[in-house]
């Protein structure tokens, strides 16, 4: 089983929209609202990443070094995991 850990991979897909600029706004009564927004083609950018399970565990384990043992225990207990 330990040899299998290097063969397991996790794939994550996320996206970023480039048209998140507001097209409306507020101004004082009777005043003209003037604002700039980007010009051009708006689209969605997709990022796909992958990590082997052994690397994911390594990153997760190093995060625990930043907290005390009690803080980690409380976090995992609140997430529904059993702790010793």
PDB file of N, CA and C in Angstrom:
ATOM      1  N   UNK A   1       0.826  -1.199   0.000  1.00  0.00           N
ATOM      2  CA  UNK A   1       0.000   0.000   0.000  1.00  0.00           C
ATOM      3  C   UNK A   1       0.867   1.258   0.000  1.00  0.00           C
ATOM      4  N   UNK A   2       1.966   1.225   0.747  1.00  0.00           N
ATOM      5  CA  UNK A   2       2.826   2.405   0.806  1.00  0.00           C
ATOM      6  C   UNK A   2       3.362   2.751  -0.574  1.00  0.00           C
ATOM      7  N   UNK A   3       3.644   1.752  -1.408  1.00  0.00           N
ATOM      8  CA  UNK A   3       4.123   2.017  -2.762  1.00  0.00           C
ATOM      9  C   UNK A   3       3.050   2.669  -3.625  1.00  0.00           C
ATOM     10  N   UNK A   4       1.783   2.459  -3.283  1.00  0.00           N
ATOM     11  CA  UNK A   4       0.682   3.016  -4.064  1.00  0.00           C
ATOM     12  C   UNK A   4       0.511   4.518  -3.835  1.00  0.00           C
ATOM     13  N   UNK A   5       0.969   5.035  -2.683  1.00  0.00           N
ATOM     14  CA  UNK A   5       0.760   6.449  -2.376  1.00  0.00           C
ATOM     15  C   UNK A   5       1.373   7.365  -3.421  1.00  0.00           C
ATOM     16  N   UNK A   6       2.486   6.975  -3.989  1.00  0.00           N
ATOM     17  CA  UNK A   6       3.118   7.829  -4.994  1.00  0.00           C
ATOM     18  C   UNK A   6       2.356   7.805  -6.317  1.00  0.00           C
ATOM     19  N   UNK A   7       1.465   6.833  -6.491  1.00  0.00           N
ATOM     20  CA  UNK A   7       0.716   6.720  -7.745  1.00  0.00           C
ATOM     21  C   UNK A   7      -0.647   7.404  -7.679  1.00  0.00           C
ATOM     22  N   UNK A   8      -1.113   7.728  -6.478  1.00  0.00           N
ATOM     23  CA  UNK A   8      -2.410   8.381  -6.320  1.00  0.00           C
ATOM     24  C   UNK A   8      -2.236   9.878  -6.533  1.00  0.00           C
ATOM     25  N   UNK A   9      -3.122  10.470  -7.299  1.00  0.00           N
ATOM     26  CA  UNK A   9      -3.030  11.907  -7.564  1.00  0.00           C
ATOM     27  C   UNK A   9      -4.343  12.607  -7.294  1.00  0.00           C
ATOM     28  N   UNK A  10      -4.260  13.853  -6.932  1.00  0.00           N
ATOM     29  CA  UNK A  10      -5.433  14.692  -6.723  1.00  0.00           C
ATOM     30  C   UNK A  10      -5.413  15.805  -7.751  1.00  0.00           C
ATOM     31  N   UNK A  11      -6.523  16.008  -8.425  1.00  0.00           N
ATOM     32  CA  UNK A  11      -6.630  17.042  -9.450  1.00  0.00           C
ATOM     33  C   UNK A  11      -7.634  18.080  -8.967  1.00  0.00           C
ATOM     34  N   UNK A  12      -7.269  19.334  -9.070  1.00  0.00           N
ATOM     35  CA  UNK A  12      -8.140  20.431  -8.653  1.00  0.00           C
ATOM     36  C   UNK A  12      -8.317  21.384  -9.823  1.00  0.00           C
ATOM     37  N   UNK A  13      -9.545  21.781 -10.058  1.00  0.00           N
ATOM     38  CA  UNK A  13      -9.831  22.735 -11.131  1.00  0.00           C
ATOM     39  C   UNK A  13     -10.501  23.960 -10.520  1.00  0.00           C
ATOM     40  N   UNK A  14     -10.025  25.111 -10.861  1.00  0.00           N
ATOM     41  CA  UNK A  14     -10.628  26.355 -10.404  1.00  0.00           C
ATOM     42  C   UNK A  14     -10.641  27.337 -11.564  1.00  0.00           C
ATOM     43  N   UNK A  15     -11.461  28.348 -11.462  1.00  0.00           N
ATOM     44  CA  UNK A  15     -11.534  29.306 -12.570  1.00  0.00           C
ATOM     45  C   UNK A  15     -11.537  30.732 -12.037  1.00  0.00           C
ATOM     46  N   UNK A  16     -11.237  31.638 -12.919  1.00  0.00           N
ATOM     47  CA  UNK A  16     -11.176  33.059 -12.612  1.00  0.00           C
ATOM     48  C   UNK A  16     -11.905  33.803 -13.713  1.00  0.00           C
ATOM     49  N   UNK A  17     -12.886  34.612 -13.329  1.00  0.00           N
ATOM     50  CA  UNK A  17     -13.629  35.389 -14.326  1.00  0.00           C
ATOM     51  C   UNK A  17     -13.003  36.768 -14.445  1.00  0.00           C
ATOM     52  N   UNK A  18     -12.889  37.250 -15.655  1.00  0.00           N
ATOM     53  CA  UNK A  18     -12.297  38.571 -15.875  1.00  0.00           C
ATOM     54  C   UNK A  18     -13.352  39.656 -16.034  1.00  0.00           C
ATOM     55  N   UNK A  19     -14.625  39.306 -15.908  1.00  0.00           N
ATOM     56  CA  UNK A  19     -15.684  40.318 -16.054  1.00  0.00           C
ATOM     57  C   UNK A  19     -16.345  40.647 -14.716  1.00  0.00           C
ATOM     58  N   UNK A  20     -15.587  40.671 -13.655  1.00  0.00           N
ATOM     59  CA  UNK A  20     -16.166  40.915 -12.334  1.00  0.00           C
ATOM     60  C   UNK A  20     -16.263  42.400 -11.999  1.00  0.00           C
ATOM     61  N   UNK A  21     -16.007  43.260 -12.970  1.00  0.00           N
ATOM     62  CA  UNK A  21     -16.101  44.701 -12.759  1.00  0.00           C
ATOM     63  C   UNK A  21     -17.563  45.115 -12.651  1.00  0.00           C
ATOM     64  N   UNK A  22     -17.869  45.948 -11.671  1.00  0.00           N
ATOM     65  CA  UNK A  22     -19.233  46.467 -11.537  1.00  0.00           C
ATOM     66  C   UNK A  22     -19.577  47.356 -12.723  1.00  0.00           C
ATOM     67  N   UNK A  23     -20.777  47.224 -13.229  1.00  0.00           N
ATOM     68  CA  UNK A  23     -21.235  48.084 -14.327  1.00  0.00           C
ATOM     69  C   UNK A  23     -22.185  49.157 -13.820  1.00  0.00           C
ATOM     70  N   UNK A  24     -22.445  49.169 -12.509  1.00  0.00           N
ATOM     71  CA  UNK A  24     -23.304  50.183 -11.907  1.00  0.00           C
ATOM     72  C   UNK A  24     -22.586  50.773 -10.701  1.00  0.00           C
ATOM     73  N   UNK A  25     -23.073  51.887 -10.192  1.00  0.00           N
ATOM     74  CA  UNK A  25     -22.464  52.506  -9.021  1.00  0.00           C
ATOM     75  C   UNK A  25     -23.364  53.579  -8.441  1.00  0.00           C
ATOM     76  N   UNK A  26     -22.893  54.213  -7.381  1.00  0.00           N
ATOM     77  CA  UNK A  26     -23.645  55.251  -6.693  1.00  0.00           C
ATOM     78  C   UNK A  26     -22.924  56.583  -6.840  1.00  0.00           C
ATOM     79  N   UNK A  27     -23.697  57.647  -6.894  1.00  0.00           N
ATOM     80  CA  UNK A  27     -23.140  59.002  -6.883  1.00  0.00           C
ATOM     81  C   UNK A  27     -24.133  59.913  -6.169  1.00  0.00           C
ATOM     82  N   UNK A  28     -23.678  61.106  -5.845  1.00  0.00           N
ATOM     83  CA  UNK A  28     -24.562  62.076  -5.187  1.00  0.00           C
ATOM     84  C   UNK A  28     -25.723  62.423  -6.119  1.00  0.00           C
ATOM     85  N   UNK A  29     -26.859  62.773  -5.540  1.00  0.00           N
ATOM     86  CA  UNK A  29     -28.039  63.101  -6.332  1.00  0.00           C
ATOM     87  C   UNK A  29     -27.726  64.255  -7.281  1.00  0.00           C
ATOM     88  N   UNK A  30     -27.995  64.061  -8.547  1.00  0.00           N
ATOM     89  CA  UNK A  30     -27.756  65.069  -9.562  1.00  0.00           C
ATOM     90  C   UNK A  30     -26.347  65.060 -10.133  1.00  0.00           C
ATOM     91  N   UNK A  31     -25.447  64.249  -9.551  1.00  0.00           N
ATOM     92  CA  UNK A  31     -24.059  64.193 -10.039  1.00  0.00           C
ATOM     93  C   UNK A  31     -23.901  63.019 -10.997  1.00  0.00           C
ATOM     94  N   UNK A  32     -23.042  63.183 -11.960  1.00  0.00           N
ATOM     95  CA  UNK A  32     -22.767  62.140 -12.938  1.00  0.00           C
ATOM     96  C   UNK A  32     -21.736  61.169 -12.371  1.00  0.00           C
ATOM     97  N   UNK A  33     -22.011  59.888 -12.472  1.00  0.00           N
ATOM     98  CA  UNK A  33     -21.063  58.869 -12.019  1.00  0.00           C
ATOM     99  C   UNK A  33     -20.041  58.624 -13.118  1.00  0.00           C
ATOM    100  N   UNK A  34     -18.777  58.814 -12.808  1.00  0.00           N
ATOM    101  CA  UNK A  34     -17.698  58.572 -13.767  1.00  0.00           C
ATOM    102  C   UNK A  34     -16.761  57.541 -13.155  1.00  0.00           C
ATOM    103  N   UNK A  35     -16.506  56.484 -13.884  1.00  0.00           N
ATOM    104  CA  UNK A  35     -15.612  55.431 -13.407  1.00  0.00           C
ATOM    105  C   UNK A  35     -14.976  54.759 -14.610  1.00  0.00           C
ATOM    106  N   UNK A  36     -13.880  54.087 -14.390  1.00  0.00           N
ATOM    107  CA  UNK A  36     -13.196  53.353 -15.455  1.00  0.00           C
ATOM    108  C   UNK A  36     -13.394  51.863 -15.256  1.00  0.00           C
ATOM    109  N   UNK A  37     -13.394  51.156 -16.338  1.00  0.00           N
ATOM    110  CA  UNK A  37     -13.403  49.700 -16.277  1.00  0.00           C
ATOM    111  C   UNK A  37     -12.539  49.185 -17.415  1.00  0.00           C
ATOM    112  N   UNK A  38     -12.023  47.989 -17.285  1.00  0.00           N
ATOM    113  CA  UNK A  38     -11.153  47.464 -18.334  1.00  0.00           C
ATOM    114  C   UNK A  38     -11.898  47.314 -19.654  1.00  0.00           C
ATOM    115  N   UNK A  39     -11.200  47.516 -20.729  1.00  0.00           N
ATOM    116  CA  UNK A  39     -11.782  47.369 -22.057  1.00  0.00           C
ATOM    117  C   UNK A  39     -11.174  46.137 -22.704  1.00  0.00           C
ATOM    118  N   UNK A  40     -11.973  45.407 -23.396  1.00  0.00           N
ATOM    119  CA  UNK A  40     -11.451  44.249 -24.110  1.00  0.00           C
ATOM    120  C   UNK A  40     -12.380  43.066 -23.969  1.00  0.00           C
ATOM    121  N   UNK A  41     -11.889  41.935 -24.367  1.00  0.00           N
ATOM    122  CA  UNK A  41     -12.670  40.705 -24.311  1.00  0.00           C
ATOM    123  C   UNK A  41     -12.601  40.126 -22.906  1.00  0.00           C
ATOM    124  N   UNK A  42     -13.759  39.928 -22.322  1.00  0.00           N
ATOM    125  CA  UNK A  42     -13.818  39.315 -21.008  1.00  0.00           C
ATOM    126  C   UNK A  42     -13.997  37.823 -21.191  1.00  0.00           C
ATOM    127  N   UNK A  43     -13.401  37.068 -20.320  1.00  0.00           N
ATOM    128  CA  UNK A  43     -13.478  35.617 -20.461  1.00  0.00           C
ATOM    129  C   UNK A  43     -13.273  34.954 -19.108  1.00  0.00           C
ATOM    130  N   UNK A  44     -13.231  33.664 -19.128  1.00  0.00           N
ATOM    131  CA  UNK A  44     -12.959  32.872 -17.939  1.00  0.00           C
ATOM    132  C   UNK A  44     -11.652  32.127 -18.144  1.00  0.00           C
ATOM    133  N   UNK A  45     -10.792  32.189 -17.163  1.00  0.00           N
ATOM    134  CA  UNK A  45      -9.522  31.459 -17.201  1.00  0.00           C
ATOM    135  C   UNK A  45      -9.644  30.270 -16.260  1.00  0.00           C
ATOM    136  N   UNK A  46      -9.241  29.118 -16.718  1.00  0.00           N
ATOM    137  CA  UNK A  46      -9.315  27.910 -15.916  1.00  0.00           C
ATOM    138  C   UNK A  46      -7.914  27.432 -15.581  1.00  0.00           C
ATOM    139  N   UNK A  47      -7.721  27.090 -14.316  1.00  0.00           N
ATOM    140  CA  UNK A  47      -6.451  26.548 -13.857  1.00  0.00           C
ATOM    141  C   UNK A  47      -6.690  25.119 -13.391  1.00  0.00           C
ATOM    142  N   UNK A  48      -5.869  24.218 -13.836  1.00  0.00           N
ATOM    143  CA  UNK A  48      -5.948  22.831 -13.390  1.00  0.00           C
ATOM    144  C   UNK A  48      -4.599  22.469 -12.789  1.00  0.00           C
ATOM    145  N   UNK A  49      -4.630  21.964 -11.560  1.00  0.00           N
ATOM    146  CA  UNK A  49      -3.397  21.569 -10.893  1.00  0.00           C
ATOM    147  C   UNK A  49      -3.521  20.132 -10.419  1.00  0.00           C
ATOM    148  N   UNK A  50      -2.403  19.514 -10.202  1.00  0.00           N
ATOM    149  CA  UNK A  50      -2.400  18.143  -9.710  1.00  0.00           C
ATOM    150  C   UNK A  50      -1.231  17.958  -8.756  1.00  0.00           C
ATOM    151  N   UNK A  51      -1.466  17.171  -7.730  1.00  0.00           N
ATOM    152  CA  UNK A  51      -0.430  16.814  -6.771  1.00  0.00           C
ATOM    153  C   UNK A  51      -0.566  15.341  -6.449  1.00  0.00           C
ATOM    154  N   UNK A  52       0.550  14.699  -6.232  1.00  0.00           N
ATOM    155  CA  UNK A  52       0.517  13.334  -5.741  1.00  0.00           C
ATOM    156  C   UNK A  52       0.095  13.340  -4.281  1.00  0.00           C
ATOM    157  N   UNK A  53      -0.547  12.272  -3.827  1.00  0.00           N
ATOM    158  CA  UNK A  53      -1.046  12.207  -2.455  1.00  0.00           C
ATOM    159  C   UNK A  53       0.076  12.363  -1.444  1.00  0.00           C
ATOM    160  N   UNK A  54       1.261  11.832  -1.753  1.00  0.00           N
ATOM    161  CA  UNK A  54       2.371  11.963  -0.816  1.00  0.00           C
ATOM    162  C   UNK A  54       2.764  13.425  -0.636  1.00  0.00           C
ATOM    163  N   UNK A  55       2.687  14.241  -1.697  1.00  0.00           N
ATOM    164  CA  UNK A  55       3.008  15.672  -1.592  1.00  0.00           C
ATOM    165  C   UNK A  55       1.909  16.426  -0.845  1.00  0.00           C
ATOM    166  N   UNK A  56       0.649  16.051  -1.068  1.00  0.00           N
ATOM    167  CA  UNK A  56      -0.455  16.692  -0.350  1.00  0.00           C
ATOM    168  C   UNK A  56      -0.299  16.443   1.146  1.00  0.00           C
ATOM    169  N   UNK A  57       0.017  15.215   1.518  1.00  0.00           N
ATOM    170  CA  UNK A  57       0.205  14.892   2.934  1.00  0.00           C
ATOM    171  C   UNK A  57       1.389  15.659   3.504  1.00  0.00           C
ATOM    172  N   UNK A  58       2.466  15.791   2.736  1.00  0.00           N
ATOM    173  CA  UNK A  58       3.649  16.517   3.200  1.00  0.00           C
ATOM    174  C   UNK A  58       3.300  17.975   3.475  1.00  0.00           C
ATOM    175  N   UNK A  59       2.559  18.609   2.558  1.00  0.00           N
ATOM    176  CA  UNK A  59       2.155  20.006   2.749  1.00  0.00           C
ATOM    177  C   UNK A  59       1.241  20.124   3.960  1.00  0.00           C
ATOM    178  N   UNK A  60       0.274  19.223   4.084  1.00  0.00           N
ATOM    179  CA  UNK A  60      -0.659  19.264   5.209  1.00  0.00           C
ATOM    180  C   UNK A  60       0.068  19.062   6.527  1.00  0.00           C
ATOM    181  N   UNK A  61       1.015  18.158   6.538  1.00  0.00           N
ATOM    182  CA  UNK A  61       1.747  17.869   7.767  1.00  0.00           C
ATOM    183  C   UNK A  61       2.563  19.086   8.199  1.00  0.00           C
ATOM    184  N   UNK A  62       3.187  19.793   7.256  1.00  0.00           N
ATOM    185  CA  UNK A  62       3.980  20.969   7.604  1.00  0.00           C
ATOM    186  C   UNK A  62       3.116  22.114   8.121  1.00  0.00           C
ATOM    187  N   UNK A  63       1.866  22.180   7.714  1.00  0.00           N
ATOM    188  CA  UNK A  63       0.962  23.203   8.248  1.00  0.00           C
ATOM    189  C   UNK A  63       0.776  22.993   9.739  1.00  0.00           C
ATOM    190  N   UNK A  64       0.730  21.744  10.161  1.00  0.00           N
ATOM    191  CA  UNK A  64       0.536  21.443  11.581  1.00  0.00           C
ATOM    192  C   UNK A  64       1.712  21.921  12.427  1.00  0.00           C
ATOM    193  N   UNK A  65       2.881  22.108  11.842  1.00  0.00           N
ATOM    194  CA  UNK A  65       4.036  22.599  12.598  1.00  0.00           C
ATOM    195  C   UNK A  65       3.837  24.032  13.076  1.00  0.00           C
ATOM    196  N   UNK A  66       2.925  24.769  12.463  1.00  0.00           N
ATOM    197  CA  UNK A  66       2.691  26.165  12.830  1.00  0.00           C
ATOM    198  C   UNK A  66       1.763  26.313  14.033  1.00  0.00           C
ATOM    199  N   UNK A  67       1.178  25.217  14.490  1.00  0.00           N
ATOM    200  CA  UNK A  67       0.210  25.273  15.580  1.00  0.00           C
ATOM    201  C   UNK A  67       0.633  24.333  16.699  1.00  0.00           C
ATOM    202  N   UNK A  68       0.104  24.576  17.886  1.00  0.00           N
ATOM    203  CA  UNK A  68       0.390  23.683  19.005  1.00  0.00           C
ATOM    204  C   UNK A  68      -0.387  22.383  18.825  1.00  0.00           C
ATOM    205  N   UNK A  69       0.022  21.374  19.578  1.00  0.00           N
ATOM    206  CA  UNK A  69      -0.656  20.078  19.496  1.00  0.00           C
ATOM    207  C   UNK A  69      -2.124  20.212  19.904  1.00  0.00           C
ATOM    208  N   UNK A  70      -2.403  21.032  20.906  1.00  0.00           N
ATOM    209  CA  UNK A  70      -3.781  21.215  21.365  1.00  0.00           C
ATOM    210  C   UNK A  70      -4.632  21.906  20.306  1.00  0.00           C
ATOM    211  N   UNK A  71      -4.066  22.898  19.610  1.00  0.00           N
ATOM    212  CA  UNK A  71      -4.804  23.580  18.548  1.00  0.00           C
ATOM    213  C   UNK A  71      -5.136  22.613  17.418  1.00  0.00           C
ATOM    214  N   UNK A  72      -4.182  21.772  17.035  1.00  0.00           N
ATOM    215  CA  UNK A  72      -4.442  20.771  15.986  1.00  0.00           C
ATOM    216  C   UNK A  72      -5.502  19.781  16.435  1.00  0.00           C
ATOM    217  N   UNK A  73      -5.406  19.341  17.679  1.00  0.00           N
ATOM    218  CA  UNK A  73      -6.384  18.389  18.217  1.00  0.00           C
ATOM    219  C   UNK A  73      -7.785  18.992  18.188  1.00  0.00           C
ATOM    220  N   UNK A  74      -7.913  20.245  18.614  1.00  0.00           N
ATOM    221  CA  UNK A  74      -9.223  20.914  18.607  1.00  0.00           C
ATOM    222  C   UNK A  74      -9.771  21.059  17.194  1.00  0.00           C
ATOM    223  N   UNK A  75      -8.904  21.394  16.245  1.00  0.00           N
ATOM    224  CA  UNK A  75      -9.340  21.563  14.859  1.00  0.00           C
ATOM    225  C   UNK A  75      -9.875  20.252  14.292  1.00  0.00           C
ATOM    226  N   UNK A  76      -9.100  19.170  14.447  1.00  0.00           N
ATOM    227  CA  UNK A  76      -9.524  17.890  13.884  1.00  0.00           C
ATOM    228  C   UNK A  76     -10.753  17.342  14.603  1.00  0.00           C
ATOM    229  N   UNK A  77     -10.863  17.593  15.895  1.00  0.00           N
ATOM    230  CA  UNK A  77     -12.043  17.148  16.632  1.00  0.00           C
ATOM    231  C   UNK A  77     -13.283  17.897  16.142  1.00  0.00           C
ATOM    232  N   UNK A  78     -13.163  19.213  15.923  1.00  0.00           N
ATOM    233  CA  UNK A  78     -14.291  20.009  15.424  1.00  0.00           C
ATOM    234  C   UNK A  78     -14.676  19.605  14.004  1.00  0.00           C
ATOM    235  N   UNK A  79     -13.712  19.083  13.233  1.00  0.00           N
ATOM    236  CA  UNK A  79     -13.989  18.651  11.863  1.00  0.00           C
ATOM    237  C   UNK A  79     -14.606  17.255  11.819  1.00  0.00           C
ATOM    238  N   UNK A  80     -14.744  16.609  12.993  1.00  0.00           N
ATOM    239  CA  UNK A  80     -15.400  15.308  13.041  1.00  0.00           C
ATOM    240  C   UNK A  80     -14.463  14.123  13.103  1.00  0.00           C
ATOM    241  N   UNK A  81     -13.158  14.373  13.212  1.00  0.00           N
ATOM    242  CA  UNK A  81     -12.196  13.283  13.312  1.00  0.00           C
ATOM    243  C   UNK A  81     -11.997  12.916  14.774  1.00  0.00           C
ATOM    244  N   UNK A  82     -11.723  11.640  15.024  1.00  0.00           N
ATOM    245  CA  UNK A  82     -11.419  11.205  16.381  1.00  0.00           C
ATOM    246  C   UNK A  82      -9.960  11.503  16.676  1.00  0.00           C
ATOM    247  N   UNK A  83      -9.700  12.004  17.871  1.00  0.00           N
ATOM    248  CA  UNK A  83      -8.326  12.297  18.268  1.00  0.00           C
ATOM    249  C   UNK A  83      -7.995  11.531  19.533  1.00  0.00           C
ATOM    250  N   UNK A  84      -6.727  11.279  19.732  1.00  0.00           N
ATOM    251  CA  UNK A  84      -6.283  10.568  20.945  1.00  0.00           C
ATOM    252  C   UNK A  84      -6.000  11.548  22.055  1.00  0.00           C
TER     253      UNK A  84
END
